[in-house]
């Protein structure tokens, strides 16, 4: 086995996208982090118990740039000031301390990207929907909001995170098979990633985009010089495996981080089911181009289920067991 991922790992490893079905409190952040470590997760994320957009937009409220409006945000100050806000994320500080105590080798910072953050900020009449959000302000997103995300990344790096993942679920809506929405160009998408991830150069950097992924989007992400891996869902969206991943990843010199269990289903997949899904991805994509196995997405959606937290840990424990079996086979 020889591939890009061998620069970082000696075997197949497990991770988690980030969100956890527990109510937010520092105590629950600590509890969930310790439970992830106890479950055997290799690349441990800062647990996201807060909404994955609001946790990064709240510092802009505190800075007077945004205000809260009906579950979203609206501009209340000078948008140019966004790039100057250097937030301190409390989860990063707490988790960094715990990681040292637990001797965690790989620490993952899940950071929501500029495009997805922009889709939650209204610059006009909210009744007009997403076309009234900052997403349509391309120059502001490319130059200002992406710099703000870079400031978040810098905060993570300063706390010792060595795997940085830009979460951009909005990107699968923007980049389709034939067109790019809201006037964005491919060059602008790559520029956003370049600016966001610049503070993490030299570390392991990836992006998580859930949902259906077009070949055009996969190829575009593979072009980025700031990314080492692409994290997508394959359990609940098996069509994603139909893309020509081998050629896409080889051309861009990237590896694939596949989701191999459901983030929506409120039941624990068996070890055998996870092994089957993981092996299928490895067989189709190539063992040298696949690593960092996770669920399809975060598990915050299971919060409404009474046993959601226990189910989440069960899924992750079985992922760890599945990879132990696969690693034994390839030794």
Protein backbone atom coordinates (compact mmCIF):
# COMPACT_ATOMS: atom_id res chain seq x y z
CA UNK A 1 0.00 0.00 0.00
CA UNK A 2 1.50 3.34 -0.99
CA UNK A 3 -0.35 6.60 -1.25
CA UNK A 4 -0.57 10.21 -0.22
CA UNK A 5 -2.12 9.31 3.14
CA UNK A 6 0.97 7.33 4.16
CA UNK A 7 2.72 10.65 4.80
CA UNK A 8 0.40 10.94 7.80
CA UNK A 9 -0.85 7.49 8.81
CA UNK A 10 0.52 3.96 9.07
CA UNK A 11 -2.90 2.31 8.72
CA UNK A 12 -6.55 3.00 8.01
CA UNK A 13 -7.92 5.40 10.64
CA UNK A 14 -11.30 6.50 11.96
CA UNK A 15 -12.71 9.97 12.53
CA UNK A 16 -15.96 11.85 13.08
CA UNK A 17 -17.28 14.88 11.20
CA UNK A 18 -18.06 16.82 14.38
CA UNK A 19 -21.63 17.29 15.58
CA UNK A 20 -22.85 15.36 18.63
CA UNK A 21 -26.47 14.91 19.86
CA UNK A 22 -26.04 16.49 23.28
CA UNK A 23 -27.17 19.87 24.62
CA UNK A 24 -24.39 22.43 24.67
CA UNK A 25 -22.43 22.99 27.85
CA UNK A 26 -18.69 22.91 28.58
CA UNK A 27 -19.35 19.79 30.66
CA UNK A 28 -20.99 18.02 27.73
CA UNK A 29 -18.20 19.07 25.37
CA UNK A 30 -15.73 17.46 27.77
CA UNK A 31 -17.92 14.38 28.23
CA UNK A 32 -18.32 13.80 24.50
CA UNK A 33 -14.62 14.35 23.77
CA UNK A 34 -13.63 11.82 26.42
CA UNK A 35 -16.21 9.37 25.06
CA UNK A 36 -14.84 9.74 21.51
CA UNK A 37 -11.35 8.97 22.78
CA UNK A 38 -12.64 6.03 24.82
CA UNK A 39 -14.45 4.69 21.74
CA UNK A 40 -11.09 4.49 19.97
CA UNK A 41 -11.60 7.22 17.36
CA UNK A 42 -8.19 8.02 15.85
CA UNK A 43 -8.69 11.53 14.47
CA UNK A 44 -10.75 13.12 17.23
CA UNK A 45 -12.77 16.26 16.43
CA UNK A 46 -13.66 19.15 18.66
CA UNK A 47 -17.25 18.06 19.42
CA UNK A 48 -19.85 20.39 17.94
CA UNK A 49 -22.77 20.63 20.35
CA UNK A 50 -23.75 24.07 19.09
CA UNK A 51 -25.17 24.68 15.62
CA UNK A 52 -22.26 24.43 13.19
CA UNK A 53 -22.95 27.85 11.67
CA UNK A 54 -24.01 29.88 14.69
CA UNK A 55 -20.98 28.81 16.75
CA UNK A 56 -18.83 30.64 14.20
CA UNK A 57 -21.18 33.56 13.50
CA UNK A 58 -21.77 34.52 17.14
CA UNK A 59 -18.34 36.23 17.41
CA UNK A 60 -19.50 38.56 14.61
CA UNK A 61 -22.57 39.43 16.69
CA UNK A 62 -20.29 40.24 19.62
CA UNK A 63 -18.19 42.40 17.29
CA UNK A 64 -21.29 44.37 16.21
CA UNK A 65 -21.12 43.26 12.58
CA UNK A 66 -24.17 40.96 12.71
CA UNK A 67 -27.41 40.77 14.68
CA UNK A 68 -29.65 37.78 15.36
CA UNK A 69 -32.87 37.67 13.31
CA UNK A 70 -35.44 34.85 13.47
CA UNK A 71 -33.00 31.98 13.86
CA UNK A 72 -30.54 33.46 11.37
CA UNK A 73 -28.40 36.60 11.14
CA UNK A 74 -28.56 40.01 9.50
CA UNK A 75 -25.92 42.59 8.75
CA UNK A 76 -25.87 45.39 11.32
CA UNK A 77 -22.41 46.85 10.75
CA UNK A 78 -19.64 47.25 8.19
CA UNK A 79 -19.12 43.92 6.41
CA UNK A 80 -15.53 44.89 5.63
CA UNK A 81 -14.86 44.54 9.37
CA UNK A 82 -15.55 40.80 9.17
CA UNK A 83 -12.01 40.06 8.03
CA UNK A 84 -10.56 41.84 11.07
CA UNK A 85 -12.45 39.79 13.67
CA UNK A 86 -10.18 37.17 15.25
CA UNK A 87 -12.49 34.88 17.23
CA UNK A 88 -11.50 32.65 20.10
CA UNK A 89 -13.57 29.46 19.91
CA UNK A 90 -14.20 28.08 23.43
CA UNK A 91 -14.48 24.48 22.19
CA UNK A 92 -10.96 24.70 20.72
CA UNK A 93 -9.45 25.88 23.99
CA UNK A 94 -11.21 23.24 26.09
CA UNK A 95 -10.50 20.38 23.71
CA UNK A 96 -6.83 21.33 23.33
CA UNK A 97 -6.38 20.95 27.09
CA UNK A 98 -8.19 17.61 27.13
CA UNK A 99 -6.22 16.33 24.14
CA UNK A 100 -2.95 16.86 25.98
CA UNK A 101 -4.28 15.02 29.03
CA UNK A 102 -5.57 12.15 26.88
CA UNK A 103 -2.45 12.11 24.67
CA UNK A 104 -4.50 12.42 21.50
CA UNK A 105 -2.22 12.31 18.46
CA UNK A 106 -4.64 13.58 15.80
CA UNK A 107 -6.96 16.49 16.62
CA UNK A 108 -9.54 17.57 14.03
CA UNK A 109 -10.90 21.10 13.77
CA UNK A 110 -14.26 21.14 11.94
CA UNK A 111 -14.57 24.70 10.62
CA UNK A 112 -17.62 25.85 8.69
CA UNK A 113 -16.66 27.44 5.39
CA UNK A 114 -17.41 30.92 4.08
CA UNK A 115 -20.07 29.87 1.57
CA UNK A 116 -22.15 28.02 4.15
CA UNK A 117 -21.75 30.82 6.71
CA UNK A 118 -22.82 33.36 4.07
CA UNK A 119 -26.03 31.41 3.44
CA UNK A 120 -27.13 32.16 7.02
CA UNK A 121 -26.53 35.93 6.89
CA UNK A 122 -29.26 38.13 5.39
CA UNK A 123 -28.30 41.29 3.54
CA UNK A 124 -31.85 41.97 2.29
CA UNK A 125 -35.47 40.92 2.79
CA UNK A 126 -35.47 37.47 4.50
CA UNK A 127 -38.76 36.60 2.77
CA UNK A 128 -36.81 36.31 -0.49
CA UNK A 129 -34.89 33.34 0.86
CA UNK A 130 -31.32 32.41 0.08
CA UNK A 131 -31.01 34.98 -2.72
CA UNK A 132 -31.28 37.63 -0.04
CA UNK A 133 -28.27 36.30 1.88
CA UNK A 134 -24.61 37.25 1.80
CA UNK A 135 -24.07 34.31 -0.55
CA UNK A 136 -24.92 36.66 -3.45
CA UNK A 137 -22.23 39.14 -2.33
CA UNK A 138 -19.43 37.27 -4.09
CA UNK A 139 -16.67 39.79 -3.47
CA UNK A 140 -17.49 39.96 0.23
CA UNK A 141 -17.49 36.16 0.54
CA UNK A 142 -14.28 35.64 -1.46
CA UNK A 143 -12.27 38.43 0.16
CA UNK A 144 -13.79 39.12 3.59
CA UNK A 145 -15.71 36.15 4.93
CA UNK A 146 -13.07 33.67 3.77
CA UNK A 147 -10.47 35.71 5.67
CA UNK A 148 -12.66 35.49 8.76
CA UNK A 149 -12.72 31.70 8.36
CA UNK A 150 -8.93 31.82 8.04
CA UNK A 151 -8.84 33.60 11.40
CA UNK A 152 -10.86 30.72 12.89
CA UNK A 153 -8.44 28.21 11.35
CA UNK A 154 -5.53 30.14 12.84
CA UNK A 155 -7.20 29.94 16.26
CA UNK A 156 -7.47 26.15 15.86
CA UNK A 157 -3.84 25.79 14.78
CA UNK A 158 -2.67 27.90 17.72
CA UNK A 159 -4.44 25.42 20.02
CA UNK A 160 -2.63 22.45 18.50
CA UNK A 161 -5.17 21.09 16.02
CA UNK A 162 -3.27 19.24 13.29
CA UNK A 163 -6.15 18.20 11.01
CA UNK A 164 -8.27 21.07 9.68
CA UNK A 165 -11.47 20.38 7.76
CA UNK A 166 -13.56 23.03 6.03
CA UNK A 167 -17.23 22.00 6.21
CA UNK A 168 -19.07 23.29 3.12
CA UNK A 169 -22.46 21.59 2.70
CA UNK A 170 -23.62 24.58 0.64
CA UNK A 171 -21.04 23.77 -2.03
CA UNK A 172 -22.96 20.76 -3.37
CA UNK A 173 -25.81 23.19 -4.14
CA UNK A 174 -23.57 25.79 -5.79
CA UNK A 175 -21.50 23.51 -8.02
CA UNK A 176 -23.70 21.30 -10.18
CA UNK A 177 -22.91 19.13 -13.17
CA UNK A 178 -23.21 22.00 -15.65
CA UNK A 179 -23.54 25.32 -13.85
CA UNK A 180 -22.27 27.27 -10.85
CA UNK A 181 -24.97 29.20 -9.02
CA UNK A 182 -24.92 32.77 -7.68
CA UNK A 183 -22.30 33.84 -10.22
CA UNK A 184 -19.31 32.11 -8.65
CA UNK A 185 -16.46 30.94 -10.84
CA UNK A 186 -14.34 27.85 -10.23
CA UNK A 187 -11.37 30.13 -9.63
CA UNK A 188 -13.26 31.97 -6.89
CA UNK A 189 -14.15 28.69 -5.15
CA UNK A 190 -10.48 27.69 -5.17
CA UNK A 191 -9.47 31.16 -3.95
CA UNK A 192 -11.83 30.82 -0.99
CA UNK A 193 -10.24 27.52 0.04
CA UNK A 194 -6.76 28.93 -0.47
CA UNK A 195 -7.39 31.88 1.82
CA UNK A 196 -9.23 29.83 4.46
CA UNK A 197 -6.58 27.12 4.76
CA UNK A 198 -3.43 29.21 4.42
CA UNK A 199 -2.86 29.33 8.24
CA UNK A 200 -2.82 25.51 8.30
CA UNK A 201 -0.19 24.94 5.61
CA UNK A 202 2.03 22.02 6.54
CA UNK A 203 -0.81 20.30 8.41
CA UNK A 204 -3.35 17.78 7.12
CA UNK A 205 -6.21 19.68 5.45
CA UNK A 206 -9.47 18.50 3.98
CA UNK A 207 -13.02 19.49 3.19
CA UNK A 208 -16.35 17.89 4.07
CA UNK A 209 -19.18 18.28 1.57
CA UNK A 210 -22.24 16.14 2.28
CA UNK A 211 -25.09 15.26 -0.05
CA UNK A 212 -24.85 14.39 -3.73
CA UNK A 213 -21.51 15.34 -5.27
CA UNK A 214 -21.17 16.05 -8.99
CA UNK A 215 -18.11 15.02 -10.97
CA UNK A 216 -17.49 18.69 -11.65
CA UNK A 217 -17.38 19.47 -7.92
CA UNK A 218 -15.14 16.49 -7.15
CA UNK A 219 -12.71 17.50 -9.90
CA UNK A 220 -12.73 21.13 -8.76
CA UNK A 221 -11.93 20.22 -5.15
CA UNK A 222 -9.19 17.88 -6.32
CA UNK A 223 -7.59 20.85 -8.10
CA UNK A 224 -7.09 22.77 -4.86
CA UNK A 225 -3.46 22.98 -3.78
CA UNK A 226 -4.64 23.57 -0.20
CA UNK A 227 -6.42 20.23 0.25
CA UNK A 228 -5.04 16.76 0.92
CA UNK A 229 -8.35 14.90 1.26
CA UNK A 230 -12.04 15.09 0.35
CA UNK A 231 -14.69 13.87 2.82
CA UNK A 232 -18.03 12.82 1.28
CA UNK A 233 -20.97 10.56 2.13
CA UNK A 234 -21.27 7.14 0.52
CA UNK A 235 -23.60 5.16 2.80
CA UNK A 236 -26.85 7.08 2.35
CA UNK A 237 -25.79 8.47 -1.04
CA UNK A 238 -24.24 5.45 -2.80
CA UNK A 239 -24.50 7.28 -6.16
CA UNK A 240 -21.45 9.27 -5.11
CA UNK A 241 -19.38 6.16 -5.65
CA UNK A 242 -20.30 6.20 -9.37
CA UNK A 243 -17.89 9.07 -10.03
CA UNK A 244 -14.48 8.28 -11.61
CA UNK A 245 -12.72 8.73 -8.28
CA UNK A 246 -9.47 7.00 -9.23
CA UNK A 247 -8.69 9.40 -12.05
CA UNK A 248 -10.01 12.45 -10.18
CA UNK A 249 -7.89 11.74 -7.10
CA UNK A 250 -4.79 10.72 -9.03
CA UNK A 251 -4.91 13.84 -11.17
CA UNK A 252 -5.21 16.09 -8.13
CA UNK A 253 -3.01 13.92 -5.88
CA UNK A 254 -5.69 13.71 -3.18
CA UNK A 255 -7.17 10.92 -1.09
CA UNK A 256 -10.80 10.22 -0.30
CA UNK A 257 -12.20 10.24 3.24
CA UNK A 258 -15.42 8.23 2.93
CA UNK A 259 -18.55 8.21 5.04
CA UNK A 260 -19.37 4.53 5.56
CA UNK A 261 -22.28 4.60 8.01
CA UNK A 262 -25.51 6.58 8.09
CA UNK A 263 -25.69 9.85 10.01
CA UNK A 264 -29.49 9.84 9.69
CA UNK A 265 -30.52 6.30 10.61
CA UNK A 266 -31.32 5.92 14.31
CA UNK A 267 -29.77 2.49 14.65
CA UNK A 268 -26.25 1.18 15.03
CA UNK A 269 -24.84 -0.42 11.89
CA UNK A 270 -23.20 -3.78 12.49
CA UNK A 271 -19.44 -4.14 12.23
CA UNK A 272 -20.02 -6.39 9.22
CA UNK A 273 -22.09 -3.75 7.41
CA UNK A 274 -19.45 -1.07 7.97
CA UNK A 275 -16.68 -3.44 6.83
CA UNK A 276 -18.67 -4.17 3.66
CA UNK A 277 -19.17 -0.48 2.83
CA UNK A 278 -15.55 0.42 3.59
CA UNK A 279 -14.17 -2.43 1.50
CA UNK A 280 -16.39 -1.47 -1.42
CA UNK A 281 -15.01 2.07 -1.40
CA UNK A 282 -11.45 0.76 -1.12
CA UNK A 283 -11.98 -1.68 -3.99
CA UNK A 284 -13.52 0.90 -6.33
CA UNK A 285 -11.33 3.89 -5.49
CA UNK A 286 -8.04 2.10 -4.72
CA UNK A 287 -6.43 1.39 -1.35
CA UNK A 288 -3.74 3.99 -1.90
CA UNK A 289 -6.37 6.74 -2.28
CA UNK A 290 -8.69 6.05 0.68
CA UNK A 291 -8.32 6.81 4.40
CA UNK A 292 -9.90 8.65 7.36
CA UNK A 293 -13.18 6.74 7.51
CA UNK A 294 -16.16 8.40 9.19
CA UNK A 295 -19.93 8.55 9.10
CA UNK A 296 -21.66 10.32 6.24
CA UNK A 297 -21.99 13.52 8.25
CA UNK A 298 -22.23 14.75 11.82
CA UNK A 299 -24.58 13.06 14.26
CA UNK A 300 -26.33 16.12 15.67
CA UNK A 301 -29.51 15.15 13.80
CA UNK A 302 -30.01 12.28 16.27
CA UNK A 303 -30.56 14.78 19.08
CA UNK A 304 -34.34 14.32 18.82
CA UNK A 305 -33.99 10.59 19.49
CA UNK A 306 -34.06 9.61 23.16
CA UNK A 307 -31.10 7.26 22.77
CA UNK A 308 -29.40 9.44 20.15
CA UNK A 309 -26.15 9.86 22.04
CA UNK A 310 -25.81 6.16 22.84
CA UNK A 311 -26.59 5.31 19.20
CA UNK A 312 -23.93 7.77 18.02
CA UNK A 313 -21.25 6.22 20.22
CA UNK A 314 -22.34 2.75 19.09
CA UNK A 315 -21.88 3.73 15.45
CA UNK A 316 -18.40 5.11 16.12
CA UNK A 317 -17.33 2.11 18.21
CA UNK A 318 -18.35 -0.23 15.41
CA UNK A 319 -16.48 1.92 12.89
CA UNK A 320 -13.34 1.50 15.00
CA UNK A 321 -13.88 -2.28 15.20
CA UNK A 322 -14.49 -2.49 11.45
CA UNK A 323 -11.21 -0.75 10.67
CA UNK A 324 -9.35 -2.99 13.11
CA UNK A 325 -10.55 -5.98 11.07
CA UNK A 326 -9.62 -4.39 7.74
CA UNK A 327 -6.19 -3.34 9.01
CA UNK A 328 -5.46 -6.91 10.13
CA UNK A 329 -6.29 -8.18 6.66
CA UNK A 330 -3.89 -5.80 4.90
CA UNK A 331 -0.93 -6.18 7.27
